[in-house]
Amino acid sequence: MLRVDLAAPPSTPWRFAARFELEAGSVLALHGPSGAGKTTLLRAVAGLLPADGALDLDGADYRRLQAWQRPIGWVPQRQGLIPHWTPEQHLLALGGGLAVNVATALERLDLLRLRNRPARELSFGERQRLALGRAVFARRPLFLLDEPFSALDAAARLEMGDLLMERVAEEKAYALLATHDLHEVQRLCQRLCLIAEGKVVAEGPTESLLHGPPNARAAELLGYHLLGGGIAVHPATASWQGAPGLATVDGVVLRALPRDFGWRVEMRDAAGRHFAADLGQDRRLPAVGETLRVYFPDLRLSPSADGE
């Protein structure tokens, strides 16, 4: 079990406070806006920033260890590669801690043909794959990943996400993944930690939080809109058809944008609150200024809830 209960010391200029637990073989997503504190928290867990509290992994007190002593696979946003080293040299530097042979690792990273090219001559995406491989092919109990897929195309994101899940399962490791991509969160992560202004707003099983945020701030971070009566609506849950358990929402169409699934219809309710609905193309394109009735799951939150 990984237990994190960390906060920034009062004397430091940065602010963060986080408490959560994670079971072995699991990935926890850190999700929130830019500047929310995701990278700061990862750096504190890595030992690169001072932190008060407790950091326990399988009974070992990591706060007693210096950063260089912590057995961590670390992918910073800037990748942390040595510019004149080749992909092969980066992996060979792991020595006996490399989980597979170098050729196998490079092939899995689609870098075998580039094994002898200096890192400075690789593309940004190639460097990102190398940084991820150097972390996850190490036999380490904890992976810290700061937006490790941000420079990858859709196919590479899927492949590298699969690699991360495989390595976490094989090592029975723990992974903390900072990301802005909720699709990535849903596909890769068993647990989700929502962060804003340096604090944990909500934390729990991924599916539970995505479909039932416990407070208004968490709902906002997940793309919900708060309407009158505390109804929280998410564009992806909209429907043309009413049914038991659905809330009725009327809105004036501001614009309708084509999407692969149909239309993203942006609207305004009677109180002037803006919201959106993703609707299929089985209906005609709504006209600007038209009043539409759409239906959402009846999820009600207190607008004043802040996750405290």
C-alpha atoms as a PDB file:
ATOM      1  CA  MET A   1       0.000   0.000   0.000  1.00  0.00           C
ATOM      2  CA  LEU A   2       1.161   3.531  -0.841  1.00  0.00           C
ATOM      3  CA  ARG A   3       0.077   6.114   1.728  1.00  0.00           C
ATOM      4  CA  VAL A   4       0.559   9.801   0.952  1.00  0.00           C
ATOM      5  CA  ASP A   5      -0.195  12.493   3.527  1.00  0.00           C
ATOM      6  CA  LEU A   6       1.959  15.459   2.565  1.00  0.00           C
ATOM      7  CA  ALA A   7       1.768  19.228   2.892  1.00  0.00           C
ATOM      8  CA  ALA A   8       4.132  22.068   2.081  1.00  0.00           C
ATOM      9  CA  PRO A   9       6.052  23.440   5.088  1.00  0.00           C
ATOM     10  CA  PRO A  10       4.754  26.893   6.117  1.00  0.00           C
ATOM     11  CA  SER A  11       8.139  28.474   5.327  1.00  0.00           C
ATOM     12  CA  THR A  12       8.048  27.540   1.638  1.00  0.00           C
ATOM     13  CA  PRO A  13       6.545  29.667  -1.181  1.00  0.00           C
ATOM     14  CA  TRP A  14       4.636  26.771  -2.767  1.00  0.00           C
ATOM     15  CA  ARG A  15       1.386  25.361  -1.424  1.00  0.00           C
ATOM     16  CA  PHE A  16       0.069  21.818  -1.570  1.00  0.00           C
ATOM     17  CA  ALA A  17      -1.755  19.384   0.689  1.00  0.00           C
ATOM     18  CA  ALA A  18      -2.665  15.852  -0.362  1.00  0.00           C
ATOM     19  CA  ARG A  19      -3.844  12.702   1.370  1.00  0.00           C
ATOM     20  CA  PHE A  20      -4.650   9.428  -0.410  1.00  0.00           C
ATOM     21  CA  GLU A  21      -3.875   5.706  -0.524  1.00  0.00           C
ATOM     22  CA  LEU A  22      -3.192   3.425  -3.471  1.00  0.00           C
ATOM     23  CA  GLU A  23      -3.045  -0.360  -3.747  1.00  0.00           C
ATOM     24  CA  ALA A  24      -0.175  -2.170  -5.463  1.00  0.00           C
ATOM     25  CA  GLY A  25      -0.589  -2.680  -9.207  1.00  0.00           C
ATOM     26  CA  SER A  26      -2.680   0.497  -9.562  1.00  0.00           C
ATOM     27  CA  VAL A  27      -2.442   3.876 -11.265  1.00  0.00           C
ATOM     28  CA  LEU A  28      -3.760   7.057  -9.643  1.00  0.00           C
ATOM     29  CA  ALA A  29      -4.411  10.108 -11.838  1.00  0.00           C
ATOM     30  CA  LEU A  30      -3.637  13.612 -10.646  1.00  0.00           C
ATOM     31  CA  HIS A  31      -6.012  15.839 -12.605  1.00  0.00           C
ATOM     32  CA  GLY A  32      -6.548  19.564 -12.408  1.00  0.00           C
ATOM     33  CA  PRO A  33      -5.908  22.836 -14.231  1.00  0.00           C
ATOM     34  CA  SER A  34      -2.436  24.135 -15.008  1.00  0.00           C
ATOM     35  CA  GLY A  35      -0.852  25.516 -11.851  1.00  0.00           C
ATOM     36  CA  ALA A  36      -3.068  23.411  -9.584  1.00  0.00           C
ATOM     37  CA  GLY A  37      -0.110  21.697  -7.892  1.00  0.00           C
ATOM     38  CA  LYS A  38       0.171  18.348  -9.710  1.00  0.00           C
ATOM     39  CA  THR A  39       3.870  18.722 -10.549  1.00  0.00           C
ATOM     40  CA  THR A  40       4.624  20.155  -7.102  1.00  0.00           C
ATOM     41  CA  LEU A  41       3.062  17.096  -5.461  1.00  0.00           C
ATOM     42  CA  LEU A  42       5.030  14.703  -7.696  1.00  0.00           C
ATOM     43  CA  ARG A  43       8.260  16.542  -6.890  1.00  0.00           C
ATOM     44  CA  ALA A  44       7.488  16.307  -3.164  1.00  0.00           C
ATOM     45  CA  VAL A  45       6.899  12.547  -3.434  1.00  0.00           C
ATOM     46  CA  ALA A  46      10.167  12.243  -5.362  1.00  0.00           C
ATOM     47  CA  GLY A  47      11.995  14.060  -2.564  1.00  0.00           C
ATOM     48  CA  LEU A  48      12.859  17.060  -4.720  1.00  0.00           C
ATOM     49  CA  LEU A  49      10.823  19.466  -2.568  1.00  0.00           C
ATOM     50  CA  PRO A  50      10.538  19.520   1.225  1.00  0.00           C
ATOM     51  CA  ALA A  51       7.245  18.286   2.640  1.00  0.00           C
ATOM     52  CA  ASP A  52       5.723  17.727   6.051  1.00  0.00           C
ATOM     53  CA  GLY A  53       3.637  14.662   6.853  1.00  0.00           C
ATOM     54  CA  ALA A  54       4.001  11.009   5.916  1.00  0.00           C
ATOM     55  CA  LEU A  55       4.997   9.035   2.820  1.00  0.00           C
ATOM     56  CA  ASP A  56       4.819   5.287   3.337  1.00  0.00           C
ATOM     57  CA  LEU A  57       5.274   2.579   0.700  1.00  0.00           C
ATOM     58  CA  ASP A  58       4.802  -1.037   1.767  1.00  0.00           C
ATOM     59  CA  GLY A  59       5.809  -0.117   5.303  1.00  0.00           C
ATOM     60  CA  ALA A  60       8.922   1.862   4.322  1.00  0.00           C
ATOM     61  CA  ASP A  61       9.095   5.513   5.403  1.00  0.00           C
ATOM     62  CA  TYR A  62      10.160   7.324   2.242  1.00  0.00           C
ATOM     63  CA  ARG A  63      10.470  10.657   4.019  1.00  0.00           C
ATOM     64  CA  ARG A  64      13.601   9.327   5.707  1.00  0.00           C
ATOM     65  CA  LEU A  65      15.224   8.865   2.294  1.00  0.00           C
ATOM     66  CA  GLN A  66      16.964  11.506   0.203  1.00  0.00           C
ATOM     67  CA  ALA A  67      15.741  11.932  -3.375  1.00  0.00           C
ATOM     68  CA  TRP A  68      18.619   9.891  -4.816  1.00  0.00           C
ATOM     69  CA  GLN A  69      17.855   7.041  -2.402  1.00  0.00           C
ATOM     70  CA  ARG A  70      14.188   6.687  -3.345  1.00  0.00           C
ATOM     71  CA  PRO A  71      13.582   3.792  -5.780  1.00  0.00           C
ATOM     72  CA  ILE A  72      11.426   5.737  -8.198  1.00  0.00           C
ATOM     73  CA  GLY A  73      10.853   5.699 -11.959  1.00  0.00           C
ATOM     74  CA  TRP A  74      10.505   9.395 -12.739  1.00  0.00           C
ATOM     75  CA  VAL A  75       9.273  11.101 -15.927  1.00  0.00           C
ATOM     76  CA  PRO A  76       9.437  14.902 -15.529  1.00  0.00           C
ATOM     77  CA  GLN A  77       7.727  17.167 -18.041  1.00  0.00           C
ATOM     78  CA  ARG A  78      11.120  18.151 -19.459  1.00  0.00           C
ATOM     79  CA  GLN A  79      12.060  14.467 -19.706  1.00  0.00           C
ATOM     80  CA  GLY A  80      15.412  14.723 -17.879  1.00  0.00           C
ATOM     81  CA  LEU A  81      17.448  13.013 -20.602  1.00  0.00           C
ATOM     82  CA  ILE A  82      21.202  13.443 -21.103  1.00  0.00           C
ATOM     83  CA  PRO A  83      21.459  15.171 -24.498  1.00  0.00           C
ATOM     84  CA  HIS A  84      24.567  13.366 -25.804  1.00  0.00           C
ATOM     85  CA  TRP A  85      23.486   9.924 -24.612  1.00  0.00           C
ATOM     86  CA  THR A  86      21.728   7.582 -27.001  1.00  0.00           C
ATOM     87  CA  PRO A  87      18.532   5.657 -26.191  1.00  0.00           C
ATOM     88  CA  GLU A  88      20.672   2.553 -25.707  1.00  0.00           C
ATOM     89  CA  GLN A  89      22.943   4.336 -23.220  1.00  0.00           C
ATOM     90  CA  HIS A  90      19.982   5.660 -21.239  1.00  0.00           C
ATOM     91  CA  LEU A  91      18.636   2.132 -20.791  1.00  0.00           C
ATOM     92  CA  LEU A  92      22.041   0.523 -20.162  1.00  0.00           C
ATOM     93  CA  ALA A  93      22.538   3.003 -17.317  1.00  0.00           C
ATOM     94  CA  LEU A  94      19.818   1.135 -15.421  1.00  0.00           C
ATOM     95  CA  GLY A  95      22.205  -1.821 -15.179  1.00  0.00           C
ATOM     96  CA  GLY A  96      20.742  -4.782 -13.351  1.00  0.00           C
ATOM     97  CA  GLY A  97      17.597  -2.771 -12.675  1.00  0.00           C
ATOM     98  CA  LEU A  98      16.465  -3.089 -16.302  1.00  0.00           C
ATOM     99  CA  ALA A  99      13.415  -5.356 -16.459  1.00  0.00           C
ATOM    100  CA  VAL A 100      14.023  -6.607 -20.025  1.00  0.00           C
ATOM    101  CA  ASN A 101      16.980  -6.628 -22.399  1.00  0.00           C
ATOM    102  CA  VAL A 102      17.814  -3.362 -24.124  1.00  0.00           C
ATOM    103  CA  ALA A 103      16.740  -4.451 -27.619  1.00  0.00           C
ATOM    104  CA  THR A 104      13.343  -5.590 -26.356  1.00  0.00           C
ATOM    105  CA  ALA A 105      12.790  -2.308 -24.536  1.00  0.00           C
ATOM    106  CA  LEU A 106      13.835  -0.209 -27.532  1.00  0.00           C
ATOM    107  CA  GLU A 107      11.603  -2.186 -29.865  1.00  0.00           C
ATOM    108  CA  ARG A 108       8.634  -1.715 -27.553  1.00  0.00           C
ATOM    109  CA  LEU A 109       9.360   2.028 -27.511  1.00  0.00           C
ATOM    110  CA  ASP A 110       9.696   2.107 -31.335  1.00  0.00           C
ATOM    111  CA  LEU A 111      13.265   3.370 -30.888  1.00  0.00           C
ATOM    112  CA  LEU A 112      15.277   0.347 -32.018  1.00  0.00           C
ATOM    113  CA  ARG A 113      16.247   1.985 -35.314  1.00  0.00           C
ATOM    114  CA  LEU A 114      17.368   5.061 -33.338  1.00  0.00           C
ATOM    115  CA  ARG A 115      19.303   3.197 -30.660  1.00  0.00           C
ATOM    116  CA  ASN A 116      22.584   5.014 -31.423  1.00  0.00           C
ATOM    117  CA  ARG A 117      21.226   8.490 -32.092  1.00  0.00           C
ATOM    118  CA  PRO A 118      21.931  11.132 -29.396  1.00  0.00           C
ATOM    119  CA  ALA A 119      18.844  12.236 -27.472  1.00  0.00           C
ATOM    120  CA  ARG A 120      19.289  15.815 -28.660  1.00  0.00           C
ATOM    121  CA  GLU A 121      18.711  14.618 -32.249  1.00  0.00           C
ATOM    122  CA  LEU A 122      15.441  12.841 -31.441  1.00  0.00           C
ATOM    123  CA  SER A 123      12.038  14.421 -31.970  1.00  0.00           C
ATOM    124  CA  PHE A 124      10.119  15.592 -28.917  1.00  0.00           C
ATOM    125  CA  GLY A 125       7.801  12.593 -29.123  1.00  0.00           C
ATOM    126  CA  GLU A 126      10.746  10.187 -29.463  1.00  0.00           C
ATOM    127  CA  ARG A 127      12.392  11.734 -26.419  1.00  0.00           C
ATOM    128  CA  GLN A 128       9.143  11.403 -24.501  1.00  0.00           C
ATOM    129  CA  ARG A 129       8.909   7.704 -25.337  1.00  0.00           C
ATOM    130  CA  LEU A 130      12.515   7.246 -24.211  1.00  0.00           C
ATOM    131  CA  ALA A 131      11.868   9.045 -20.926  1.00  0.00           C
ATOM    132  CA  LEU A 132       8.821   6.861 -20.290  1.00  0.00           C
ATOM    133  CA  GLY A 133      10.726   3.686 -21.134  1.00  0.00           C
ATOM    134  CA  ARG A 134      13.632   4.600 -18.881  1.00  0.00           C
ATOM    135  CA  ALA A 135      11.152   4.956 -16.015  1.00  0.00           C
ATOM    136  CA  VAL A 136       8.829   2.000 -16.513  1.00  0.00           C
ATOM    137  CA  PHE A 137      11.414  -0.563 -17.634  1.00  0.00           C
ATOM    138  CA  ALA A 138      13.272   0.035 -14.379  1.00  0.00           C
ATOM    139  CA  ARG A 139      12.506  -2.397 -11.582  1.00  0.00           C
ATOM    140  CA  ARG A 140      11.116   0.238  -9.258  1.00  0.00           C
ATOM    141  CA  PRO A 141       8.101   0.070  -6.946  1.00  0.00           C
ATOM    142  CA  LEU A 142       6.892   3.600  -7.696  1.00  0.00           C
ATOM    143  CA  PHE A 143       6.467   5.446 -11.008  1.00  0.00           C
ATOM    144  CA  LEU A 144       5.949   9.220 -11.031  1.00  0.00           C
ATOM    145  CA  LEU A 145       4.762  10.421 -14.440  1.00  0.00           C
ATOM    146  CA  ASP A 146       4.265  14.106 -15.246  1.00  0.00           C
ATOM    147  CA  GLU A 147       2.215  14.353 -18.463  1.00  0.00           C
ATOM    148  CA  PRO A 148       4.270  11.567 -20.096  1.00  0.00           C
ATOM    149  CA  PHE A 149       2.098  11.298 -23.232  1.00  0.00           C
ATOM    150  CA  SER A 150       1.587  14.991 -24.035  1.00  0.00           C
ATOM    151  CA  ALA A 151       3.764  14.999 -27.200  1.00  0.00           C
ATOM    152  CA  LEU A 152       2.506  11.688 -28.616  1.00  0.00           C
ATOM    153  CA  ASP A 153       0.017  11.102 -31.401  1.00  0.00           C
ATOM    154  CA  ALA A 154      -3.151   9.113 -30.735  1.00  0.00           C
ATOM    155  CA  ALA A 155      -1.688   5.734 -31.729  1.00  0.00           C
ATOM    156  CA  ALA A 156       1.479   6.219 -29.683  1.00  0.00           C
ATOM    157  CA  ARG A 157      -0.584   7.353 -26.674  1.00  0.00           C
ATOM    158  CA  LEU A 158      -2.492   4.083 -26.776  1.00  0.00           C
ATOM    159  CA  GLU A 159       0.676   1.998 -27.132  1.00  0.00           C
ATOM    160  CA  MET A 160       2.558   3.791 -24.354  1.00  0.00           C
ATOM    161  CA  GLY A 161      -0.516   3.718 -22.112  1.00  0.00           C
ATOM    162  CA  ASP A 162      -0.709  -0.036 -22.606  1.00  0.00           C
ATOM    163  CA  LEU A 163       2.986  -0.292 -21.757  1.00  0.00           C
ATOM    164  CA  LEU A 164       2.470   1.650 -18.535  1.00  0.00           C
ATOM    165  CA  MET A 165      -0.418  -0.592 -17.448  1.00  0.00           C
ATOM    166  CA  GLU A 166       1.576  -3.742 -18.250  1.00  0.00           C
ATOM    167  CA  ARG A 167       4.641  -2.639 -16.307  1.00  0.00           C
ATOM    168  CA  VAL A 168       2.602  -1.542 -13.280  1.00  0.00           C
ATOM    169  CA  ALA A 169       0.903  -4.952 -13.241  1.00  0.00           C
ATOM    170  CA  GLU A 170       4.153  -6.900 -13.805  1.00  0.00           C
ATOM    171  CA  GLU A 171       6.040  -5.105 -11.029  1.00  0.00           C
ATOM    172  CA  LYS A 172       2.973  -4.791  -8.765  1.00  0.00           C
ATOM    173  CA  ALA A 173       4.099  -1.195  -8.676  1.00  0.00           C
ATOM    174  CA  TYR A 174       2.339   2.066  -7.857  1.00  0.00           C
ATOM    175  CA  ALA A 175       1.990   4.879 -10.403  1.00  0.00           C
ATOM    176  CA  LEU A 176       1.011   8.526  -9.993  1.00  0.00           C
ATOM    177  CA  LEU A 177       0.082  10.054 -13.368  1.00  0.00           C
ATOM    178  CA  ALA A 178      -0.376  13.808 -13.794  1.00  0.00           C
ATOM    179  CA  THR A 179      -2.591  14.454 -16.811  1.00  0.00           C
ATOM    180  CA  HIS A 180      -5.119  16.869 -18.304  1.00  0.00           C
ATOM    181  CA  ASP A 181      -6.732  14.151 -20.429  1.00  0.00           C
ATOM    182  CA  LEU A 182      -9.858  12.612 -18.883  1.00  0.00           C
ATOM    183  CA  HIS A 183     -10.038   9.946 -21.589  1.00  0.00           C
ATOM    184  CA  GLU A 184      -6.562   8.891 -20.489  1.00  0.00           C
ATOM    185  CA  VAL A 185      -7.705   8.912 -16.878  1.00  0.00           C
ATOM    186  CA  GLN A 186     -10.669   6.671 -17.626  1.00  0.00           C
ATOM    187  CA  ARG A 187      -8.608   4.193 -19.656  1.00  0.00           C
ATOM    188  CA  LEU A 188      -5.506   3.894 -17.478  1.00  0.00           C
ATOM    189  CA  CYS A 189      -6.292   4.822 -13.893  1.00  0.00           C
ATOM    190  CA  GLN A 190      -8.087   2.922 -11.159  1.00  0.00           C
ATOM    191  CA  ARG A 191      -8.238   5.976  -8.907  1.00  0.00           C
ATOM    192  CA  LEU A 192      -8.561   9.693  -9.521  1.00  0.00           C
ATOM    193  CA  CYS A 193      -7.365  12.618  -7.424  1.00  0.00           C
ATOM    194  CA  LEU A 194      -8.754  16.040  -8.397  1.00  0.00           C
ATOM    195  CA  ILE A 195      -6.483  18.940  -7.455  1.00  0.00           C
ATOM    196  CA  ALA A 196      -7.111  22.694  -7.474  1.00  0.00           C
ATOM    197  CA  GLU A 197      -5.281  25.564  -5.780  1.00  0.00           C
ATOM    198  CA  GLY A 198      -2.837  23.101  -4.238  1.00  0.00           C
ATOM    199  CA  LYS A 199      -5.508  21.025  -2.478  1.00  0.00           C
ATOM    200  CA  VAL A 200      -7.232  17.730  -3.113  1.00  0.00           C
ATOM    201  CA  VAL A 201     -10.820  18.553  -4.048  1.00  0.00           C
ATOM    202  CA  ALA A 202     -11.942  14.929  -4.325  1.00  0.00           C
ATOM    203  CA  GLU A 203     -10.320  11.491  -4.482  1.00  0.00           C
ATOM    204  CA  GLY A 204     -11.716   8.038  -5.113  1.00  0.00           C
ATOM    205  CA  PRO A 205     -12.385   5.306  -7.680  1.00  0.00           C
ATOM    206  CA  THR A 206     -12.180   6.796 -11.166  1.00  0.00           C
ATOM    207  CA  GLU A 207     -15.597   5.731 -12.472  1.00  0.00           C
ATOM    208  CA  SER A 208     -17.341   6.842  -9.283  1.00  0.00           C
ATOM    209  CA  LEU A 209     -15.873  10.334  -9.479  1.00  0.00           C
ATOM    210  CA  LEU A 210     -16.397  10.746 -13.218  1.00  0.00           C
ATOM    211  CA  HIS A 211     -20.096   9.892 -13.007  1.00  0.00           C
ATOM    212  CA  GLY A 212     -20.854  11.253  -9.535  1.00  0.00           C
ATOM    213  CA  PRO A 213     -18.602  14.115  -8.397  1.00  0.00           C
ATOM    214  CA  PRO A 214     -19.159  14.758  -4.687  1.00  0.00           C
ATOM    215  CA  ASN A 215     -19.048  18.559  -4.778  1.00  0.00           C
ATOM    216  CA  ALA A 216     -19.360  21.518  -7.098  1.00  0.00           C
ATOM    217  CA  ARG A 217     -15.629  22.163  -7.482  1.00  0.00           C
ATOM    218  CA  ALA A 218     -14.994  18.540  -8.419  1.00  0.00           C
ATOM    219  CA  ALA A 219     -17.840  18.687 -10.944  1.00  0.00           C
ATOM    220  CA  GLU A 220     -16.372  21.806 -12.513  1.00  0.00           C
ATOM    221  CA  LEU A 221     -12.947  20.161 -12.879  1.00  0.00           C
ATOM    222  CA  LEU A 222     -14.616  17.214 -14.640  1.00  0.00           C
ATOM    223  CA  GLY A 223     -16.380  19.388 -17.218  1.00  0.00           C
ATOM    224  CA  TYR A 224     -19.812  19.653 -15.598  1.00  0.00           C
ATOM    225  CA  HIS A 225     -21.903  22.846 -15.623  1.00  0.00           C
ATOM    226  CA  LEU A 226     -23.921  23.909 -12.570  1.00  0.00           C
ATOM    227  CA  LEU A 227     -27.448  25.066 -13.311  1.00  0.00           C
ATOM    228  CA  GLY A 228     -30.307  26.218 -11.100  1.00  0.00           C
ATOM    229  CA  GLY A 229     -31.125  24.087  -8.092  1.00  0.00           C
ATOM    230  CA  GLY A 230     -27.595  22.718  -8.044  1.00  0.00           C
ATOM    231  CA  ILE A 231     -28.199  20.458 -11.055  1.00  0.00           C
ATOM    232  CA  ALA A 232     -24.827  19.426 -12.502  1.00  0.00           C
ATOM    233  CA  VAL A 233     -24.929  18.595 -16.213  1.00  0.00           C
ATOM    234  CA  HIS A 234     -22.213  17.133 -18.401  1.00  0.00           C
ATOM    235  CA  PRO A 235     -22.375  17.518 -22.207  1.00  0.00           C
ATOM    236  CA  ALA A 236     -21.669  13.826 -22.811  1.00  0.00           C
ATOM    237  CA  THR A 237     -24.705  12.716 -20.765  1.00  0.00           C
ATOM    238  CA  ALA A 238     -27.299  14.772 -22.665  1.00  0.00           C
ATOM    239  CA  SER A 239     -30.281  13.127 -24.354  1.00  0.00           C
ATOM    240  CA  TRP A 240     -33.148  14.199 -26.627  1.00  0.00           C
ATOM    241  CA  GLN A 241     -35.472  11.759 -24.895  1.00  0.00           C
ATOM    242  CA  GLY A 242     -36.853  12.096 -21.382  1.00  0.00           C
ATOM    243  CA  ALA A 243     -36.931   9.151 -18.985  1.00  0.00           C
ATOM    244  CA  PRO A 244     -37.268   8.475 -15.247  1.00  0.00           C
ATOM    245  CA  GLY A 245     -34.240   9.778 -13.362  1.00  0.00           C
ATOM    246  CA  LEU A 246     -33.501  12.464 -15.935  1.00  0.00           C
ATOM    247  CA  ALA A 247     -33.720  16.185 -15.273  1.00  0.00           C
ATOM    248  CA  THR A 248     -35.396  18.442 -17.856  1.00  0.00           C
ATOM    249  CA  VAL A 249     -33.376  21.474 -18.956  1.00  0.00           C
ATOM    250  CA  ASP A 250     -34.563  24.158 -21.392  1.00  0.00           C
ATOM    251  CA  GLY A 251     -32.061  26.395 -23.102  1.00  0.00           C
ATOM    252  CA  VAL A 252     -31.662  28.895 -25.924  1.00  0.00           C
ATOM    253  CA  VAL A 253     -29.216  27.739 -28.595  1.00  0.00           C
ATOM    254  CA  LEU A 254     -26.150  29.971 -28.858  1.00  0.00           C
ATOM    255  CA  ARG A 255     -24.366  27.851 -31.452  1.00  0.00           C
ATOM    256  CA  ALA A 256     -24.142  24.270 -32.684  1.00  0.00           C
ATOM    257  CA  LEU A 257     -20.831  22.761 -33.700  1.00  0.00           C
ATOM    258  CA  PRO A 258     -20.411  19.533 -35.693  1.00  0.00           C
ATOM    259  CA  ARG A 259     -18.621  16.678 -33.919  1.00  0.00           C
ATOM    260  CA  ASP A 260     -17.925  13.046 -34.816  1.00  0.00           C
ATOM    261  CA  PHE A 261     -20.861  11.960 -32.661  1.00  0.00           C
ATOM    262  CA  GLY A 262     -23.275  14.639 -33.889  1.00  0.00           C
ATOM    263  CA  TRP A 263     -23.611  18.162 -32.502  1.00  0.00           C
ATOM    264  CA  ARG A 264     -22.073  20.038 -29.570  1.00  0.00           C
ATOM    265  CA  VAL A 265     -24.898  22.456 -28.809  1.00  0.00           C
ATOM    266  CA  GLU A 266     -23.997  25.414 -26.600  1.00  0.00           C
ATOM    267  CA  MET A 267     -26.978  26.929 -24.786  1.00  0.00           C
ATOM    268  CA  ARG A 268     -28.072  29.401 -22.127  1.00  0.00           C
ATOM    269  CA  ASP A 269     -30.786  28.683 -19.575  1.00  0.00           C
ATOM    270  CA  ALA A 270     -33.409  31.156 -18.332  1.00  0.00           C
ATOM    271  CA  ALA A 271     -31.080  32.418 -15.588  1.00  0.00           C
ATOM    272  CA  GLY A 272     -28.306  33.123 -18.081  1.00  0.00           C
ATOM    273  CA  ARG A 273     -26.156  30.118 -17.132  1.00  0.00           C
ATOM    274  CA  HIS A 274     -24.240  28.590 -20.019  1.00  0.00           C
ATOM    275  CA  PHE A 275     -24.119  24.831 -20.617  1.00  0.00           C
ATOM    276  CA  ALA A 276     -23.569  22.414 -23.486  1.00  0.00           C
ATOM    277  CA  ALA A 277     -25.138  19.190 -24.761  1.00  0.00           C
ATOM    278  CA  ASP A 278     -23.643  16.551 -27.042  1.00  0.00           C
ATOM    279  CA  LEU A 279     -26.489  15.351 -29.259  1.00  0.00           C
ATOM    280  CA  GLY A 280     -26.643  12.810 -32.063  1.00  0.00           C
ATOM    281  CA  GLN A 281     -27.224  13.663 -35.699  1.00  0.00           C
ATOM    282  CA  ASP A 282     -30.514  11.773 -35.743  1.00  0.00           C
ATOM    283  CA  ARG A 283     -32.156  15.184 -35.328  1.00  0.00           C
ATOM    284  CA  ARG A 284     -31.850  18.283 -37.485  1.00  0.00           C
ATOM    285  CA  LEU A 285     -29.206  20.912 -36.775  1.00  0.00           C
ATOM    286  CA  PRO A 286     -30.610  23.232 -34.074  1.00  0.00           C
ATOM    287  CA  ALA A 287     -30.960  26.879 -35.099  1.00  0.00           C
ATOM    288  CA  VAL A 288     -29.337  29.728 -33.200  1.00  0.00           C
ATOM    289  CA  GLY A 289     -31.950  31.386 -30.970  1.00  0.00           C
ATOM    290  CA  GLU A 290     -34.151  28.294 -30.884  1.00  0.00           C
ATOM    291  CA  THR A 291     -35.298  27.007 -27.484  1.00  0.00           C
ATOM    292  CA  LEU A 292     -34.417  23.351 -26.972  1.00  0.00           C
ATOM    293  CA  ARG A 293     -35.456  20.894 -24.290  1.00  0.00           C
ATOM    294  CA  VAL A 294     -32.784  18.358 -23.394  1.00  0.00           C
ATOM    295  CA  TYR A 295     -32.439  15.818 -20.615  1.00  0.00           C
ATOM    296  CA  PHE A 296     -29.577  14.975 -18.249  1.00  0.00           C
ATOM    297  CA  PRO A 297     -29.092  12.540 -15.350  1.00  0.00           C
ATOM    298  CA  ASP A 298     -30.562  14.195 -12.265  1.00  0.00           C
ATOM    299  CA  LEU A 299     -27.288  14.889 -10.444  1.00  0.00           C
ATOM    300  CA  ARG A 300     -27.716  17.612  -7.821  1.00  0.00           C
ATOM    301  CA  LEU A 301     -24.883  19.219  -5.897  1.00  0.00           C
ATOM    302  CA  SER A 302     -24.635  22.069  -3.457  1.00  0.00           C
ATOM    303  CA  PRO A 303     -23.180  25.045  -5.373  1.00  0.00           C
ATOM    304  CA  SER A 304     -21.262  26.025  -2.226  1.00  0.00           C
ATOM    305  CA  ALA A 305     -19.576  22.650  -1.792  1.00  0.00           C
ATOM    306  CA  ASP A 306     -15.811  22.999  -2.079  1.00  0.00           C
ATOM    307  CA  GLY A 307     -14.488  19.615  -1.142  1.00  0.00           C
ATOM    308  CA  GLU A 308     -13.336  20.571   2.351  1.00  0.00           C
END
